[in-house]
């Protein structure tokens, strides 16, 4: 089974999250929990592969910050029980890519969850 979810706006990376107060980080996590829950994704109970495409204009983030944008989304999916866990025994593969788009396009991210077994 494959699930594709779209998240509007910039998903913050670790550089942004580390500078926030813990309650602001919790608010961001809750926001993404609701946004992802509203799309009614099915539950993925086994091993998964996750692909993340971050669409934004300008120069993309460096690779480590790009991968860190997935953390907030994976935590939200875990809290929503869409995925069992985000540890390496469950999340077998994580691919993150930046896609440059026109300034006229609102930034968004696409998250694809694919069952391995």
N, C-alpha and C. Protein backbone atom coordinates (compact mmCIF):
# COMPACT_ATOMS: atom_id res chain seq x y z
N UNK A 1 0.85 -1.18 0.00
CA UNK A 1 0.00 0.00 0.00
C UNK A 1 0.90 1.25 0.00
N UNK A 2 0.49 2.25 -0.74
CA UNK A 2 1.21 3.51 -0.81
C UNK A 2 0.25 4.65 -0.46
N UNK A 3 0.74 5.57 0.36
CA UNK A 3 -0.05 6.73 0.76
C UNK A 3 0.74 7.98 0.41
N UNK A 4 0.09 8.95 -0.23
CA UNK A 4 0.72 10.22 -0.54
C UNK A 4 -0.01 11.34 0.18
N UNK A 5 0.75 12.15 0.91
CA UNK A 5 0.19 13.26 1.69
C UNK A 5 0.86 14.56 1.26
N UNK A 6 0.08 15.63 1.18
CA UNK A 6 0.61 16.94 0.80
C UNK A 6 0.50 17.89 1.98
N UNK A 7 1.59 18.59 2.26
CA UNK A 7 1.66 19.53 3.37
C UNK A 7 1.96 20.90 2.78
N UNK A 8 1.07 21.86 2.99
CA UNK A 8 1.26 23.21 2.46
C UNK A 8 2.19 24.02 3.34
N UNK A 9 2.98 24.90 2.71
CA UNK A 9 3.89 25.77 3.44
C UNK A 9 5.24 25.11 3.69
N UNK A 10 6.12 25.88 4.33
CA UNK A 10 7.45 25.37 4.68
C UNK A 10 7.37 24.51 5.92
N UNK A 11 7.91 23.33 5.86
CA UNK A 11 8.05 22.49 7.06
C UNK A 11 9.40 22.87 7.67
N UNK A 12 9.41 23.30 8.94
CA UNK A 12 10.67 23.75 9.53
C UNK A 12 11.66 22.61 9.73
N UNK A 13 12.93 22.94 9.55
CA UNK A 13 14.00 21.99 9.80
C UNK A 13 14.56 22.18 11.20
N UNK A 14 15.60 21.42 11.52
CA UNK A 14 16.19 21.49 12.86
C UNK A 14 16.76 22.87 13.18
N UNK A 15 17.34 23.56 12.20
CA UNK A 15 17.89 24.88 12.47
C UNK A 15 16.83 25.80 13.05
N UNK A 16 15.62 25.71 12.55
CA UNK A 16 14.51 26.53 13.05
C UNK A 16 13.99 25.98 14.36
N UNK A 17 13.77 24.68 14.43
CA UNK A 17 13.17 24.07 15.62
C UNK A 17 14.03 24.21 16.87
N UNK A 18 15.35 24.14 16.70
CA UNK A 18 16.24 24.26 17.86
C UNK A 18 16.19 25.64 18.50
N UNK A 19 15.81 26.64 17.74
CA UNK A 19 15.77 28.01 18.25
C UNK A 19 14.42 28.37 18.86
N UNK A 20 13.47 27.46 18.83
CA UNK A 20 12.14 27.73 19.35
C UNK A 20 11.99 27.26 20.79
N UNK A 21 11.09 27.90 21.52
CA UNK A 21 10.72 27.45 22.85
C UNK A 21 10.02 26.10 22.72
N UNK A 22 10.13 25.25 23.73
CA UNK A 22 9.55 23.90 23.63
C UNK A 22 8.05 23.93 23.37
N UNK A 23 7.36 24.93 23.90
CA UNK A 23 5.90 24.99 23.69
C UNK A 23 5.57 25.37 22.24
N UNK A 24 6.43 26.19 21.63
CA UNK A 24 6.23 26.54 20.21
C UNK A 24 6.47 25.32 19.32
N UNK A 25 7.47 24.50 19.68
CA UNK A 25 7.72 23.26 18.93
C UNK A 25 6.53 22.32 19.05
N UNK A 26 5.96 22.24 20.25
CA UNK A 26 4.78 21.38 20.46
C UNK A 26 3.60 21.87 19.63
N UNK A 27 3.44 23.20 19.52
CA UNK A 27 2.36 23.76 18.69
C UNK A 27 2.54 23.39 17.22
N UNK A 28 3.78 23.44 16.74
CA UNK A 28 4.07 23.08 15.35
C UNK A 28 3.75 21.60 15.12
N UNK A 29 4.14 20.75 16.06
CA UNK A 29 3.85 19.32 15.93
C UNK A 29 2.34 19.08 15.88
N UNK A 30 1.59 19.75 16.76
CA UNK A 30 0.13 19.61 16.77
C UNK A 30 -0.49 20.07 15.45
N UNK A 31 0.06 21.16 14.90
CA UNK A 31 -0.44 21.68 13.62
C UNK A 31 -0.31 20.62 12.53
N UNK A 32 0.85 19.98 12.45
CA UNK A 32 1.06 18.96 11.43
C UNK A 32 0.27 17.69 11.72
N UNK A 33 0.06 17.37 13.00
CA UNK A 33 -0.79 16.23 13.34
C UNK A 33 -2.18 16.44 12.75
N UNK A 34 -2.74 17.63 12.96
CA UNK A 34 -4.09 17.91 12.45
C UNK A 34 -4.12 17.95 10.93
N UNK A 35 -3.10 18.57 10.34
CA UNK A 35 -3.06 18.68 8.87
C UNK A 35 -2.97 17.30 8.22
N UNK A 36 -2.17 16.42 8.81
CA UNK A 36 -2.04 15.07 8.26
C UNK A 36 -3.27 14.21 8.56
N UNK A 37 -3.83 14.37 9.76
CA UNK A 37 -5.02 13.61 10.12
C UNK A 37 -6.21 13.97 9.24
N UNK A 38 -6.28 15.24 8.83
CA UNK A 38 -7.39 15.70 7.98
C UNK A 38 -7.39 15.00 6.62
N UNK A 39 -6.23 14.50 6.20
CA UNK A 39 -6.14 13.80 4.91
C UNK A 39 -6.52 12.31 5.04
N UNK A 40 -6.83 11.89 6.25
CA UNK A 40 -7.30 10.53 6.56
C UNK A 40 -6.42 9.43 5.96
N UNK A 41 -5.13 9.43 6.32
CA UNK A 41 -4.27 8.37 5.78
C UNK A 41 -4.56 7.02 6.45
N UNK A 42 -4.41 5.93 5.71
CA UNK A 42 -4.58 4.61 6.31
C UNK A 42 -3.38 4.28 7.21
N UNK A 43 -3.55 3.31 8.08
CA UNK A 43 -2.46 2.91 8.96
C UNK A 43 -1.50 1.98 8.22
N UNK A 44 -0.22 2.21 8.45
CA UNK A 44 0.84 1.35 7.92
C UNK A 44 1.42 0.61 9.13
N UNK A 45 1.15 -0.67 9.24
CA UNK A 45 1.49 -1.43 10.44
C UNK A 45 2.85 -2.11 10.41
N UNK A 46 3.48 -2.20 9.26
CA UNK A 46 4.75 -2.91 9.18
C UNK A 46 5.89 -1.99 8.77
N UNK A 47 6.88 -2.59 8.13
CA UNK A 47 8.05 -1.84 7.67
C UNK A 47 7.64 -0.93 6.52
N UNK A 48 8.26 0.27 6.51
CA UNK A 48 7.88 1.27 5.51
C UNK A 48 9.10 1.95 4.90
N UNK A 49 8.85 2.54 3.75
CA UNK A 49 9.82 3.41 3.07
C UNK A 49 9.12 4.76 2.95
N UNK A 50 9.83 5.85 3.24
CA UNK A 50 9.25 7.19 3.17
C UNK A 50 10.07 8.04 2.20
N UNK A 51 9.36 8.70 1.28
CA UNK A 51 9.97 9.65 0.36
C UNK A 51 9.38 11.02 0.66
N UNK A 52 10.24 12.03 0.74
CA UNK A 52 9.79 13.40 0.99
C UNK A 52 10.34 14.30 -0.10
N UNK A 53 9.45 15.04 -0.74
CA UNK A 53 9.85 16.04 -1.73
C UNK A 53 9.44 17.40 -1.18
N UNK A 54 10.42 18.27 -0.99
CA UNK A 54 10.16 19.61 -0.47
C UNK A 54 10.22 20.58 -1.64
N UNK A 55 9.10 21.15 -2.00
CA UNK A 55 9.00 22.08 -3.14
C UNK A 55 9.06 23.51 -2.61
N UNK A 56 10.10 24.24 -3.03
CA UNK A 56 10.21 25.65 -2.65
C UNK A 56 11.09 26.36 -3.66
N UNK A 57 11.00 27.69 -3.67
CA UNK A 57 11.81 28.46 -4.60
C UNK A 57 13.17 28.75 -3.97
N UNK A 58 14.07 29.20 -4.78
CA UNK A 58 15.39 29.56 -4.27
C UNK A 58 16.26 28.34 -4.00
N UNK A 59 17.36 28.63 -3.33
CA UNK A 59 18.31 27.58 -3.01
C UNK A 59 17.72 26.70 -1.91
N UNK A 60 17.81 25.42 -2.08
CA UNK A 60 17.26 24.49 -1.10
C UNK A 60 18.15 24.38 0.13
N UNK A 61 17.64 23.74 1.16
CA UNK A 61 18.44 23.56 2.38
C UNK A 61 19.55 22.54 2.13
N UNK A 62 20.58 22.58 2.99
CA UNK A 62 21.62 21.57 2.87
C UNK A 62 21.02 20.21 3.26
N UNK A 63 21.73 19.15 2.93
CA UNK A 63 21.17 17.80 3.04
C UNK A 63 20.73 17.45 4.46
N UNK A 64 21.54 17.80 5.47
CA UNK A 64 21.15 17.43 6.83
C UNK A 64 19.91 18.19 7.30
N UNK A 65 19.76 19.44 6.90
CA UNK A 65 18.56 20.18 7.28
C UNK A 65 17.35 19.70 6.48
N UNK A 66 17.57 19.28 5.26
CA UNK A 66 16.49 18.73 4.44
C UNK A 66 15.93 17.45 5.09
N UNK A 67 16.82 16.58 5.52
CA UNK A 67 16.39 15.34 6.18
C UNK A 67 15.69 15.66 7.50
N UNK A 68 16.15 16.69 8.19
CA UNK A 68 15.53 17.02 9.49
C UNK A 68 14.11 17.55 9.34
N UNK A 69 13.73 18.03 8.15
CA UNK A 69 12.34 18.47 7.96
C UNK A 69 11.39 17.28 8.04
N UNK A 70 11.90 16.09 7.77
CA UNK A 70 11.06 14.89 7.86
C UNK A 70 10.75 14.53 9.31
N UNK A 71 11.59 14.94 10.25
CA UNK A 71 11.40 14.55 11.65
C UNK A 71 10.05 14.99 12.19
N UNK A 72 9.69 16.25 11.99
CA UNK A 72 8.42 16.76 12.50
C UNK A 72 7.25 15.99 11.88
N UNK A 73 7.33 15.73 10.59
CA UNK A 73 6.25 15.02 9.91
C UNK A 73 6.16 13.57 10.37
N UNK A 74 7.30 12.92 10.55
CA UNK A 74 7.30 11.53 11.02
C UNK A 74 6.77 11.44 12.45
N UNK A 75 7.15 12.41 13.29
CA UNK A 75 6.62 12.43 14.66
C UNK A 75 5.11 12.61 14.67
N UNK A 76 4.60 13.47 13.78
CA UNK A 76 3.15 13.68 13.69
C UNK A 76 2.46 12.41 13.21
N UNK A 77 3.04 11.73 12.23
CA UNK A 77 2.46 10.48 11.73
C UNK A 77 2.46 9.40 12.81
N UNK A 78 3.52 9.38 13.62
CA UNK A 78 3.61 8.40 14.70
C UNK A 78 2.56 8.69 15.77
N UNK A 79 2.39 9.96 16.14
CA UNK A 79 1.38 10.32 17.14
C UNK A 79 -0.03 10.04 16.64
N UNK A 80 -0.25 10.19 15.34
CA UNK A 80 -1.56 9.90 14.75
C UNK A 80 -1.78 8.40 14.53
N UNK A 81 -0.74 7.61 14.81
CA UNK A 81 -0.79 6.15 14.61
C UNK A 81 -0.95 5.76 13.14
N UNK A 82 -0.49 6.64 12.24
CA UNK A 82 -0.46 6.30 10.82
C UNK A 82 0.69 5.33 10.57
N UNK A 83 1.81 5.55 11.28
CA UNK A 83 2.93 4.62 11.24
C UNK A 83 3.16 4.09 12.65
N UNK A 84 3.74 2.91 12.75
CA UNK A 84 3.97 2.29 14.06
C UNK A 84 5.04 3.04 14.82
N UNK A 85 6.15 3.32 14.15
CA UNK A 85 7.28 4.00 14.78
C UNK A 85 8.17 4.55 13.68
N UNK A 86 9.12 5.40 14.09
CA UNK A 86 10.06 5.93 13.10
C UNK A 86 11.48 5.45 13.37
N UNK A 87 11.61 4.34 14.10
CA UNK A 87 12.94 3.79 14.36
C UNK A 87 13.40 2.97 13.15
N UNK A 88 14.71 2.69 13.05
CA UNK A 88 15.26 2.03 11.85
C UNK A 88 14.69 0.64 11.56
N UNK A 89 14.15 -0.05 12.56
CA UNK A 89 13.59 -1.37 12.28
C UNK A 89 12.25 -1.28 11.56
N UNK A 90 11.56 -0.16 11.68
CA UNK A 90 10.27 0.06 11.01
C UNK A 90 10.45 0.93 9.77
N UNK A 91 11.12 2.08 9.95
CA UNK A 91 11.40 2.99 8.84
C UNK A 91 12.69 2.53 8.17
N UNK A 92 12.54 1.67 7.17
CA UNK A 92 13.68 1.02 6.53
C UNK A 92 14.45 1.99 5.64
N UNK A 93 13.74 2.89 4.98
CA UNK A 93 14.38 3.80 4.03
C UNK A 93 13.72 5.17 4.08
N UNK A 94 14.54 6.22 4.10
CA UNK A 94 14.05 7.60 4.09
C UNK A 94 14.80 8.36 3.01
N UNK A 95 14.07 8.86 2.01
CA UNK A 95 14.65 9.64 0.92
C UNK A 95 14.06 11.04 0.95
N UNK A 96 14.92 12.05 0.96
CA UNK A 96 14.46 13.43 0.98
C UNK A 96 15.08 14.17 -0.20
N UNK A 97 14.27 14.97 -0.87
CA UNK A 97 14.73 15.69 -2.05
C UNK A 97 14.13 17.09 -2.06
N UNK A 98 14.93 18.05 -2.51
CA UNK A 98 14.42 19.41 -2.70
C UNK A 98 14.08 19.58 -4.17
N UNK A 99 12.91 20.15 -4.43
CA UNK A 99 12.47 20.42 -5.80
C UNK A 99 12.28 21.93 -5.92
N UNK A 100 13.04 22.54 -6.82
CA UNK A 100 12.94 23.99 -7.01
C UNK A 100 11.72 24.31 -7.86
N UNK A 101 10.92 25.27 -7.38
CA UNK A 101 9.72 25.69 -8.11
C UNK A 101 9.75 27.20 -8.30
N UNK A 102 8.85 27.70 -9.11
CA UNK A 102 8.74 29.13 -9.38
C UNK A 102 8.33 29.89 -8.12
N UNK A 103 8.71 31.15 -8.05
CA UNK A 103 8.32 31.98 -6.90
C UNK A 103 6.81 32.16 -6.81
N UNK A 104 6.12 31.93 -7.92
CA UNK A 104 4.67 32.09 -7.95
C UNK A 104 3.95 30.92 -7.27
N UNK A 105 4.67 29.83 -7.07
CA UNK A 105 4.08 28.63 -6.47
C UNK A 105 4.29 28.66 -4.96
N UNK A 106 3.21 28.40 -4.22
CA UNK A 106 3.32 28.33 -2.76
C UNK A 106 4.16 27.11 -2.39
N UNK A 107 5.09 27.25 -1.42
CA UNK A 107 5.88 26.08 -1.03
C UNK A 107 4.99 24.98 -0.45
N UNK A 108 5.38 23.75 -0.72
CA UNK A 108 4.65 22.61 -0.17
C UNK A 108 5.58 21.40 -0.15
N UNK A 109 5.18 20.39 0.57
CA UNK A 109 5.94 19.14 0.63
C UNK A 109 5.00 17.98 0.33
N UNK A 110 5.56 16.96 -0.29
CA UNK A 110 4.81 15.74 -0.58
C UNK A 110 5.52 14.60 0.14
N UNK A 111 4.75 13.85 0.91
CA UNK A 111 5.27 12.73 1.68
C UNK A 111 4.62 11.45 1.16
N UNK A 112 5.44 10.50 0.74
CA UNK A 112 4.90 9.22 0.25
C UNK A 112 5.37 8.11 1.19
N UNK A 113 4.41 7.36 1.70
CA UNK A 113 4.70 6.23 2.59
C UNK A 113 4.37 4.96 1.82
N UNK A 114 5.34 4.06 1.73
CA UNK A 114 5.15 2.80 1.01
C UNK A 114 5.45 1.63 1.93
N UNK A 115 4.53 0.67 1.98
CA UNK A 115 4.76 -0.55 2.76
C UNK A 115 5.83 -1.39 2.08
N UNK A 116 6.75 -1.93 2.88
CA UNK A 116 7.81 -2.79 2.36
C UNK A 116 7.33 -4.24 2.31
N UNK A 117 6.66 -4.68 3.34
CA UNK A 117 6.20 -6.08 3.40
C UNK A 117 4.71 -6.15 3.28
